[in-house]
Amino acid sequence: IVTENESKLFEGLLFTPNVSYSLDGHQYSFSNSANITASTPRFTYIIMGGDDYSKTYLDNKTGMTREQVSATSAPVVVLESSGRNGSWSNKRLIGAGMSYKITKKQDVSVSFELSHKRNDSHSLSDYYYYQAGSSSNNIYESCGRNTSSDFRIAYSNGEFRKRDFSFFYNYGYSKDDADINSVFTSSSASEKNSTKRNNSAKDQEHSAGATFAIPVTKDKAISFQGQYDYTKNKNLNASYFYDEA
């Protein structure tokens, strides 16, 4: 908490919990998080954690597809389908950060965040072929997990030449590892298709910019802004398929 003359009103420990819940006709979610902040005149420390859980479910039925067999016959139902879809995911997140105030207008901050997400989805589809007198059933299931880490360094300077010049620099490094296994089963063809996928992604992000303002009147100024962004990423994807007839 900072006043107009930039003096801190709060120093010490601050605990900030947060809980939210949402519900509609086809899904619900529940999330909770908490932050612990320790503040001194120069340093600010933050530790945070949270958990998100969501679930979706849906029943569907297609409209009827009709076909006229001959010019004199009435349209007949060719295909009708119905299905169910459902999925859930759970994501846990922890992180920590620290900032150091060099001057009233200069600060450096460092943060690290780690998350682990698990997910599971499945669907069941039924197809009815009235004209052919046959039906089929398809089942699709997919489950996996994802682990992500994020590291950030930020520097900002807003005090130079009577505060008419400001500069900032941000660096970020993130890493994602995903492991997903999917299975598709079709009763009409009596086959089962399995897919296994491993994915690893790495990102490096650099961002720098400056703002220069020329005062025109007491409360008006003309400003010039420049920014440069650079991102370097690497994505490795490995998968294999297994078919059983």
C-alpha atoms as a PDB file:
ATOM      1  CA  ILE A   1       0.000   0.000   0.000  1.00  0.00           C
ATOM      2  CA  VAL A   2       1.581   3.270  -1.136  1.00  0.00           C
ATOM      3  CA  THR A   3       0.462   6.847  -0.525  1.00  0.00           C
ATOM      4  CA  GLU A   4       0.803   9.815  -2.884  1.00  0.00           C
ATOM      5  CA  ASN A   5       4.217  10.724  -1.516  1.00  0.00           C
ATOM      6  CA  GLU A   6       5.277   7.109  -2.176  1.00  0.00           C
ATOM      7  CA  SER A   7       5.666   6.027   1.435  1.00  0.00           C
ATOM      8  CA  LYS A   8       4.533   2.554   2.408  1.00  0.00           C
ATOM      9  CA  LEU A   9       1.644   2.194   4.807  1.00  0.00           C
ATOM     10  CA  PHE A  10       1.988  -1.570   5.185  1.00  0.00           C
ATOM     11  CA  GLU A  11       5.036  -3.550   6.243  1.00  0.00           C
ATOM     12  CA  GLY A  12       4.927  -7.073   7.604  1.00  0.00           C
ATOM     13  CA  LEU A  13       2.963 -10.218   6.706  1.00  0.00           C
ATOM     14  CA  LEU A  14      -0.239 -10.306   4.662  1.00  0.00           C
ATOM     15  CA  PHE A  15      -2.312 -13.437   3.999  1.00  0.00           C
ATOM     16  CA  THR A  16      -4.729 -13.297   1.045  1.00  0.00           C
ATOM     17  CA  PRO A  17      -7.012 -16.328   0.460  1.00  0.00           C
ATOM     18  CA  ASN A  18      -9.319 -16.712  -2.528  1.00  0.00           C
ATOM     19  CA  VAL A  19     -12.051 -19.295  -3.204  1.00  0.00           C
ATOM     20  CA  SER A  20     -14.395 -19.392  -6.188  1.00  0.00           C
ATOM     21  CA  TYR A  21     -17.054 -21.815  -7.439  1.00  0.00           C
ATOM     22  CA  SER A  22     -19.075 -21.742 -10.646  1.00  0.00           C
ATOM     23  CA  LEU A  23     -21.909 -23.929 -11.890  1.00  0.00           C
ATOM     24  CA  ASP A  24     -24.013 -24.017 -15.031  1.00  0.00           C
ATOM     25  CA  GLY A  25     -26.089 -26.592 -16.902  1.00  0.00           C
ATOM     26  CA  HIS A  26     -23.146 -28.534 -18.313  1.00  0.00           C
ATOM     27  CA  GLN A  27     -20.104 -27.872 -16.168  1.00  0.00           C
ATOM     28  CA  TYR A  28     -18.838 -26.799 -12.793  1.00  0.00           C
ATOM     29  CA  SER A  29     -15.498 -25.652 -11.477  1.00  0.00           C
ATOM     30  CA  PHE A  30     -13.901 -25.043  -8.108  1.00  0.00           C
ATOM     31  CA  SER A  31     -10.710 -23.112  -7.461  1.00  0.00           C
ATOM     32  CA  ASN A  32      -8.852 -21.974  -4.376  1.00  0.00           C
ATOM     33  CA  SER A  33      -5.633 -20.036  -3.931  1.00  0.00           C
ATOM     34  CA  ALA A  34      -3.703 -18.152  -1.284  1.00  0.00           C
ATOM     35  CA  ASN A  35      -0.883 -15.624  -1.228  1.00  0.00           C
ATOM     36  CA  ILE A  36       1.481 -14.798   1.627  1.00  0.00           C
ATOM     37  CA  THR A  37       3.256 -11.449   1.245  1.00  0.00           C
ATOM     38  CA  ALA A  38       6.114 -10.186   3.411  1.00  0.00           C
ATOM     39  CA  SER A  39       7.010  -6.530   2.929  1.00  0.00           C
ATOM     40  CA  THR A  40       9.938  -4.408   4.107  1.00  0.00           C
ATOM     41  CA  PRO A  41      11.038  -0.934   2.973  1.00  0.00           C
ATOM     42  CA  ARG A  42      13.227  -2.476   0.242  1.00  0.00           C
ATOM     43  CA  PHE A  43      12.139  -6.082  -0.259  1.00  0.00           C
ATOM     44  CA  THR A  44       8.805  -7.740  -1.008  1.00  0.00           C
ATOM     45  CA  TYR A  45       8.441 -11.534  -0.848  1.00  0.00           C
ATOM     46  CA  ILE A  46       5.453 -13.482  -2.191  1.00  0.00           C
ATOM     47  CA  ILE A  47       4.590 -17.183  -1.836  1.00  0.00           C
ATOM     48  CA  MET A  48       1.480 -18.441  -3.582  1.00  0.00           C
ATOM     49  CA  GLY A  49      -0.353 -21.698  -4.177  1.00  0.00           C
ATOM     50  CA  GLY A  50      -3.624 -22.859  -5.648  1.00  0.00           C
ATOM     51  CA  ASP A  51      -5.717 -25.679  -7.028  1.00  0.00           C
ATOM     52  CA  ASP A  52      -8.278 -25.680  -9.858  1.00  0.00           C
ATOM     53  CA  TYR A  53     -10.773 -28.457 -10.550  1.00  0.00           C
ATOM     54  CA  SER A  54     -13.329 -28.458 -13.369  1.00  0.00           C
ATOM     55  CA  LYS A  55     -15.729 -31.007 -14.828  1.00  0.00           C
ATOM     56  CA  THR A  56     -17.920 -30.895 -17.937  1.00  0.00           C
ATOM     57  CA  TYR A  57     -20.679 -33.214 -19.116  1.00  0.00           C
ATOM     58  CA  LEU A  58     -22.986 -33.132 -22.122  1.00  0.00           C
ATOM     59  CA  ASP A  59     -25.680 -35.316 -23.677  1.00  0.00           C
ATOM     60  CA  ASN A  60     -26.434 -34.704 -27.336  1.00  0.00           C
ATOM     61  CA  LYS A  61     -28.666 -36.004 -30.092  1.00  0.00           C
ATOM     62  CA  THR A  62     -28.474 -35.011 -33.750  1.00  0.00           C
ATOM     63  CA  GLY A  63     -31.340 -33.892 -35.894  1.00  0.00           C
ATOM     64  CA  MET A  64     -32.574 -36.506 -38.329  1.00  0.00           C
ATOM     65  CA  THR A  65     -30.981 -36.698 -41.761  1.00  0.00           C
ATOM     66  CA  ARG A  66     -33.622 -37.456 -44.390  1.00  0.00           C
ATOM     67  CA  GLU A  67     -33.344 -38.792 -47.916  1.00  0.00           C
ATOM     68  CA  GLN A  68     -35.921 -39.251 -50.673  1.00  0.00           C
ATOM     69  CA  VAL A  69     -35.484 -42.711 -52.143  1.00  0.00           C
ATOM     70  CA  SER A  70     -37.531 -41.981 -55.292  1.00  0.00           C
ATOM     71  CA  ALA A  71     -39.587 -39.144 -56.741  1.00  0.00           C
ATOM     72  CA  THR A  72     -42.831 -40.649 -55.487  1.00  0.00           C
ATOM     73  CA  SER A  73     -41.698 -41.859 -52.071  1.00  0.00           C
ATOM     74  CA  ALA A  74     -41.636 -39.921 -48.816  1.00  0.00           C
ATOM     75  CA  PRO A  75     -38.303 -39.018 -47.197  1.00  0.00           C
ATOM     76  CA  VAL A  76     -37.004 -41.655 -44.788  1.00  0.00           C
ATOM     77  CA  VAL A  77     -34.591 -41.361 -41.888  1.00  0.00           C
ATOM     78  CA  VAL A  78     -31.115 -42.427 -42.929  1.00  0.00           C
ATOM     79  CA  LEU A  79     -28.971 -41.603 -39.897  1.00  0.00           C
ATOM     80  CA  GLU A  80     -29.547 -40.576 -36.316  1.00  0.00           C
ATOM     81  CA  SER A  81     -26.849 -40.213 -33.681  1.00  0.00           C
ATOM     82  CA  SER A  82     -26.629 -39.589 -29.974  1.00  0.00           C
ATOM     83  CA  GLY A  83     -23.717 -39.333 -27.600  1.00  0.00           C
ATOM     84  CA  ARG A  84     -22.313 -38.375 -24.246  1.00  0.00           C
ATOM     85  CA  ASN A  85     -19.215 -36.350 -23.520  1.00  0.00           C
ATOM     86  CA  GLY A  86     -17.461 -35.774 -20.257  1.00  0.00           C
ATOM     87  CA  SER A  87     -14.110 -34.512 -19.048  1.00  0.00           C
ATOM     88  CA  TRP A  88     -12.378 -33.347 -15.909  1.00  0.00           C
ATOM     89  CA  SER A  89      -9.108 -31.612 -15.139  1.00  0.00           C
ATOM     90  CA  ASN A  90      -7.197 -30.788 -12.003  1.00  0.00           C
ATOM     91  CA  LYS A  91      -4.358 -28.249 -11.898  1.00  0.00           C
ATOM     92  CA  ARG A  92      -2.151 -27.547  -8.913  1.00  0.00           C
ATOM     93  CA  LEU A  93       0.049 -24.480  -8.835  1.00  0.00           C
ATOM     94  CA  ILE A  94       2.788 -23.176  -6.556  1.00  0.00           C
ATOM     95  CA  GLY A  95       5.019 -20.164  -6.982  1.00  0.00           C
ATOM     96  CA  ALA A  96       7.274 -17.652  -5.303  1.00  0.00           C
ATOM     97  CA  GLY A  97       8.555 -14.192  -6.128  1.00  0.00           C
ATOM     98  CA  MET A  98      10.747 -11.429  -4.786  1.00  0.00           C
ATOM     99  CA  SER A  99      11.155  -7.769  -5.704  1.00  0.00           C
ATOM    100  CA  TYR A 100      13.763  -5.232  -4.623  1.00  0.00           C
ATOM    101  CA  LYS A 101      13.190  -1.497  -4.751  1.00  0.00           C
ATOM    102  CA  ILE A 102      16.427   0.203  -5.812  1.00  0.00           C
ATOM    103  CA  THR A 103      14.995   3.715  -5.697  1.00  0.00           C
ATOM    104  CA  LYS A 104      11.500   5.168  -5.591  1.00  0.00           C
ATOM    105  CA  LYS A 105      11.206   4.571  -9.353  1.00  0.00           C
ATOM    106  CA  GLN A 106      13.515   1.563  -9.899  1.00  0.00           C
ATOM    107  CA  ASP A 107      12.812  -2.034  -9.004  1.00  0.00           C
ATOM    108  CA  VAL A 108      13.891  -5.562  -9.916  1.00  0.00           C
ATOM    109  CA  SER A 109      11.638  -8.604  -9.536  1.00  0.00           C
ATOM    110  CA  VAL A 110      12.177 -12.360  -9.894  1.00  0.00           C
ATOM    111  CA  SER A 111       9.429 -14.994  -9.913  1.00  0.00           C
ATOM    112  CA  PHE A 112       9.139 -18.770 -10.375  1.00  0.00           C
ATOM    113  CA  GLU A 113       5.987 -20.794 -10.944  1.00  0.00           C
ATOM    114  CA  LEU A 114       5.399 -24.550 -11.165  1.00  0.00           C
ATOM    115  CA  SER A 115       2.133 -26.241 -12.160  1.00  0.00           C
ATOM    116  CA  HIS A 116       0.993 -29.840 -12.680  1.00  0.00           C
ATOM    117  CA  LYS A 117      -2.237 -30.611 -14.542  1.00  0.00           C
ATOM    118  CA  ARG A 118      -4.039 -33.919 -14.962  1.00  0.00           C
ATOM    119  CA  ASN A 119      -6.913 -34.399 -17.387  1.00  0.00           C
ATOM    120  CA  ASP A 120      -9.275 -37.156 -18.468  1.00  0.00           C
ATOM    121  CA  SER A 121     -11.933 -36.988 -21.175  1.00  0.00           C
ATOM    122  CA  HIS A 122     -14.239 -39.565 -22.719  1.00  0.00           C
ATOM    123  CA  SER A 123     -17.105 -39.687 -25.188  1.00  0.00           C
ATOM    124  CA  LEU A 124     -19.651 -42.284 -26.266  1.00  0.00           C
ATOM    125  CA  SER A 125     -21.403 -42.011 -29.640  1.00  0.00           C
ATOM    126  CA  ASP A 126     -24.214 -44.152 -31.048  1.00  0.00           C
ATOM    127  CA  TYR A 127     -25.113 -44.109 -34.755  1.00  0.00           C
ATOM    128  CA  TYR A 128     -28.315 -45.654 -36.092  1.00  0.00           C
ATOM    129  CA  TYR A 129     -28.585 -46.439 -39.821  1.00  0.00           C
ATOM    130  CA  TYR A 130     -32.302 -46.891 -40.346  1.00  0.00           C
ATOM    131  CA  GLN A 131     -32.168 -47.531 -44.086  1.00  0.00           C
ATOM    132  CA  ALA A 132     -29.505 -50.232 -43.726  1.00  0.00           C
ATOM    133  CA  GLY A 133     -30.913 -51.557 -40.461  1.00  0.00           C
ATOM    134  CA  SER A 134     -27.569 -51.361 -38.677  1.00  0.00           C
ATOM    135  CA  SER A 135     -26.012 -49.403 -35.834  1.00  0.00           C
ATOM    136  CA  SER A 136     -22.546 -48.620 -34.537  1.00  0.00           C
ATOM    137  CA  ASN A 137     -20.996 -47.485 -31.320  1.00  0.00           C
ATOM    138  CA  ASN A 138     -17.806 -45.473 -30.832  1.00  0.00           C
ATOM    139  CA  ILE A 139     -15.919 -44.825 -27.608  1.00  0.00           C
ATOM    140  CA  TYR A 140     -13.103 -42.294 -27.271  1.00  0.00           C
ATOM    141  CA  GLU A 141     -11.002 -41.891 -24.149  1.00  0.00           C
ATOM    142  CA  SER A 142      -8.043 -39.636 -23.516  1.00  0.00           C
ATOM    143  CA  CYS A 143      -6.032 -38.963 -20.382  1.00  0.00           C
ATOM    144  CA  GLY A 144      -2.753 -37.256 -19.670  1.00  0.00           C
ATOM    145  CA  ARG A 145      -0.745 -34.879 -17.538  1.00  0.00           C
ATOM    146  CA  ASN A 146       1.175 -31.669 -18.091  1.00  0.00           C
ATOM    147  CA  THR A 147       3.942 -30.135 -16.006  1.00  0.00           C
ATOM    148  CA  SER A 148       4.888 -26.499 -16.581  1.00  0.00           C
ATOM    149  CA  SER A 149       7.497 -24.217 -15.058  1.00  0.00           C
ATOM    150  CA  ASP A 150       7.895 -20.490 -15.587  1.00  0.00           C
ATOM    151  CA  PHE A 151      10.779 -18.216 -14.557  1.00  0.00           C
ATOM    152  CA  ARG A 152      10.695 -14.418 -14.918  1.00  0.00           C
ATOM    153  CA  ILE A 153      13.070 -11.501 -14.358  1.00  0.00           C
ATOM    154  CA  ALA A 154      11.819  -7.927 -14.752  1.00  0.00           C
ATOM    155  CA  TYR A 155      13.573  -4.572 -14.359  1.00  0.00           C
ATOM    156  CA  SER A 156      11.941  -1.171 -14.656  1.00  0.00           C
ATOM    157  CA  ASN A 157      13.377   2.332 -14.346  1.00  0.00           C
ATOM    158  CA  GLY A 158      11.078   5.316 -14.278  1.00  0.00           C
ATOM    159  CA  GLU A 159      13.337   7.987 -12.812  1.00  0.00           C
ATOM    160  CA  PHE A 160      15.584   9.832 -15.247  1.00  0.00           C
ATOM    161  CA  ARG A 161      15.672  13.421 -16.530  1.00  0.00           C
ATOM    162  CA  LYS A 162      12.913  14.623 -14.231  1.00  0.00           C
ATOM    163  CA  ARG A 163      10.938  11.436 -14.818  1.00  0.00           C
ATOM    164  CA  ASP A 164      10.557  12.073 -18.549  1.00  0.00           C
ATOM    165  CA  PHE A 165      12.316   8.841 -19.463  1.00  0.00           C
ATOM    166  CA  SER A 166      11.504   5.267 -18.438  1.00  0.00           C
ATOM    167  CA  PHE A 167      12.993   1.905 -19.372  1.00  0.00           C
ATOM    168  CA  PHE A 168      11.997  -1.706 -18.771  1.00  0.00           C
ATOM    169  CA  TYR A 169      13.382  -5.153 -19.494  1.00  0.00           C
ATOM    170  CA  ASN A 170      11.686  -8.539 -19.041  1.00  0.00           C
ATOM    171  CA  TYR A 171      13.126 -12.023 -19.420  1.00  0.00           C
ATOM    172  CA  GLY A 172      11.085 -15.196 -19.246  1.00  0.00           C
ATOM    173  CA  TYR A 173      11.908 -18.888 -19.504  1.00  0.00           C
ATOM    174  CA  SER A 174       9.176 -21.510 -19.551  1.00  0.00           C
ATOM    175  CA  LYS A 175       9.177 -25.284 -19.988  1.00  0.00           C
ATOM    176  CA  ASP A 176       6.255 -27.646 -20.641  1.00  0.00           C
ATOM    177  CA  ASP A 177       6.221 -31.451 -20.552  1.00  0.00           C
ATOM    178  CA  ALA A 178       3.081 -33.322 -21.638  1.00  0.00           C
ATOM    179  CA  ASP A 179       2.270 -37.036 -21.690  1.00  0.00           C
ATOM    180  CA  ILE A 180      -1.052 -38.010 -23.306  1.00  0.00           C
ATOM    181  CA  ASN A 181      -2.563 -41.394 -24.080  1.00  0.00           C
ATOM    182  CA  SER A 182      -5.701 -41.727 -26.240  1.00  0.00           C
ATOM    183  CA  VAL A 183      -7.793 -44.784 -27.159  1.00  0.00           C
ATOM    184  CA  PHE A 184     -10.520 -44.966 -29.825  1.00  0.00           C
ATOM    185  CA  THR A 185     -12.806 -48.029 -30.040  1.00  0.00           C
ATOM    186  CA  SER A 186     -15.324 -48.670 -32.829  1.00  0.00           C
ATOM    187  CA  SER A 187     -17.753 -51.579 -32.495  1.00  0.00           C
ATOM    188  CA  SER A 188     -18.877 -51.430 -36.123  1.00  0.00           C
ATOM    189  CA  ALA A 189     -15.380 -52.113 -37.460  1.00  0.00           C
ATOM    190  CA  SER A 190     -14.273 -54.158 -34.434  1.00  0.00           C
ATOM    191  CA  GLU A 191     -11.070 -52.169 -34.204  1.00  0.00           C
ATOM    192  CA  LYS A 192      -9.172 -50.316 -31.524  1.00  0.00           C
ATOM    193  CA  ASN A 193      -6.776 -47.442 -32.194  1.00  0.00           C
ATOM    194  CA  SER A 194      -4.352 -46.216 -29.549  1.00  0.00           C
ATOM    195  CA  THR A 195      -2.156 -43.142 -29.682  1.00  0.00           C
ATOM    196  CA  LYS A 196       0.659 -42.232 -27.326  1.00  0.00           C
ATOM    197  CA  ARG A 197       2.180 -38.759 -27.479  1.00  0.00           C
ATOM    198  CA  ASN A 198       5.024 -37.123 -25.589  1.00  0.00           C
ATOM    199  CA  ASN A 199       5.592 -33.414 -26.046  1.00  0.00           C
ATOM    200  CA  SER A 200       8.240 -31.093 -24.655  1.00  0.00           C
ATOM    201  CA  ALA A 201       8.348 -27.345 -25.303  1.00  0.00           C
ATOM    202  CA  LYS A 202      10.811 -24.664 -24.215  1.00  0.00           C
ATOM    203  CA  ASP A 203      10.411 -20.909 -24.641  1.00  0.00           C
ATOM    204  CA  GLN A 204      12.783 -18.019 -24.041  1.00  0.00           C
ATOM    205  CA  GLU A 205      11.295 -14.542 -24.147  1.00  0.00           C
ATOM    206  CA  HIS A 206      13.039 -11.172 -24.141  1.00  0.00           C
ATOM    207  CA  SER A 207      11.222  -7.856 -24.063  1.00  0.00           C
ATOM    208  CA  ALA A 208      12.705  -4.367 -23.741  1.00  0.00           C
ATOM    209  CA  GLY A 209      11.266  -0.928 -24.232  1.00  0.00           C
ATOM    210  CA  ALA A 210      11.550   2.745 -23.397  1.00  0.00           C
ATOM    211  CA  THR A 211       9.270   5.755 -23.172  1.00  0.00           C
ATOM    212  CA  PHE A 212      10.407   9.350 -23.636  1.00  0.00           C
ATOM    213  CA  ALA A 213       8.011  12.200 -22.835  1.00  0.00           C
ATOM    214  CA  ILE A 214       8.381  15.871 -23.758  1.00  0.00           C
ATOM    215  CA  PRO A 215       6.357  18.189 -21.497  1.00  0.00           C
ATOM    216  CA  VAL A 216       4.152  20.650 -23.368  1.00  0.00           C
ATOM    217  CA  THR A 217       2.186  22.204 -20.537  1.00  0.00           C
ATOM    218  CA  LYS A 218       1.959  21.558 -16.829  1.00  0.00           C
ATOM    219  CA  ASP A 219      -0.358  18.584 -17.282  1.00  0.00           C
ATOM    220  CA  LYS A 220       0.220  17.614 -20.942  1.00  0.00           C
ATOM    221  CA  ALA A 221       3.086  15.892 -22.721  1.00  0.00           C
ATOM    222  CA  ILE A 222       4.020  14.208 -25.992  1.00  0.00           C
ATOM    223  CA  SER A 223       5.484  10.734 -25.550  1.00  0.00           C
ATOM    224  CA  PHE A 224       7.473   8.428 -27.806  1.00  0.00           C
ATOM    225  CA  GLN A 225       7.448   4.702 -27.128  1.00  0.00           C
ATOM    226  CA  GLY A 226       9.590   1.912 -28.487  1.00  0.00           C
ATOM    227  CA  GLN A 227       9.533  -1.801 -27.708  1.00  0.00           C
ATOM    228  CA  TYR A 228      11.429  -4.870 -28.893  1.00  0.00           C
ATOM    229  CA  ASP A 229      10.270  -8.457 -28.362  1.00  0.00           C
ATOM    230  CA  TYR A 230      12.218 -11.616 -29.121  1.00  0.00           C
ATOM    231  CA  THR A 231      11.040 -15.183 -28.575  1.00  0.00           C
ATOM    232  CA  LYS A 232      13.016 -18.374 -29.097  1.00  0.00           C
ATOM    233  CA  ASN A 233      11.109 -21.641 -28.825  1.00  0.00           C
ATOM    234  CA  LYS A 234      11.800 -25.322 -29.252  1.00  0.00           C
ATOM    235  CA  ASN A 235       9.101 -27.971 -29.519  1.00  0.00           C
ATOM    236  CA  LEU A 236       9.767 -31.722 -29.499  1.00  0.00           C
ATOM    237  CA  ASN A 237       6.874 -34.032 -30.293  1.00  0.00           C
ATOM    238  CA  ALA A 238       7.101 -37.839 -30.274  1.00  0.00           C
ATOM    239  CA  SER A 239       4.137 -40.164 -30.845  1.00  0.00           C
ATOM    240  CA  TYR A 240       3.333 -43.732 -31.852  1.00  0.00           C
ATOM    241  CA  PHE A 241       0.122 -45.381 -33.028  1.00  0.00           C
ATOM    242  CA  TYR A 242      -1.158 -48.870 -32.324  1.00  0.00           C
ATOM    243  CA  ASP A 243      -4.034 -50.348 -34.321  1.00  0.00           C
ATOM    244  CA  GLU A 244      -5.789 -53.580 -33.436  1.00  0.00           C
ATOM    245  CA  ALA A 245      -8.364 -55.115 -35.799  1.00  0.00           C
END
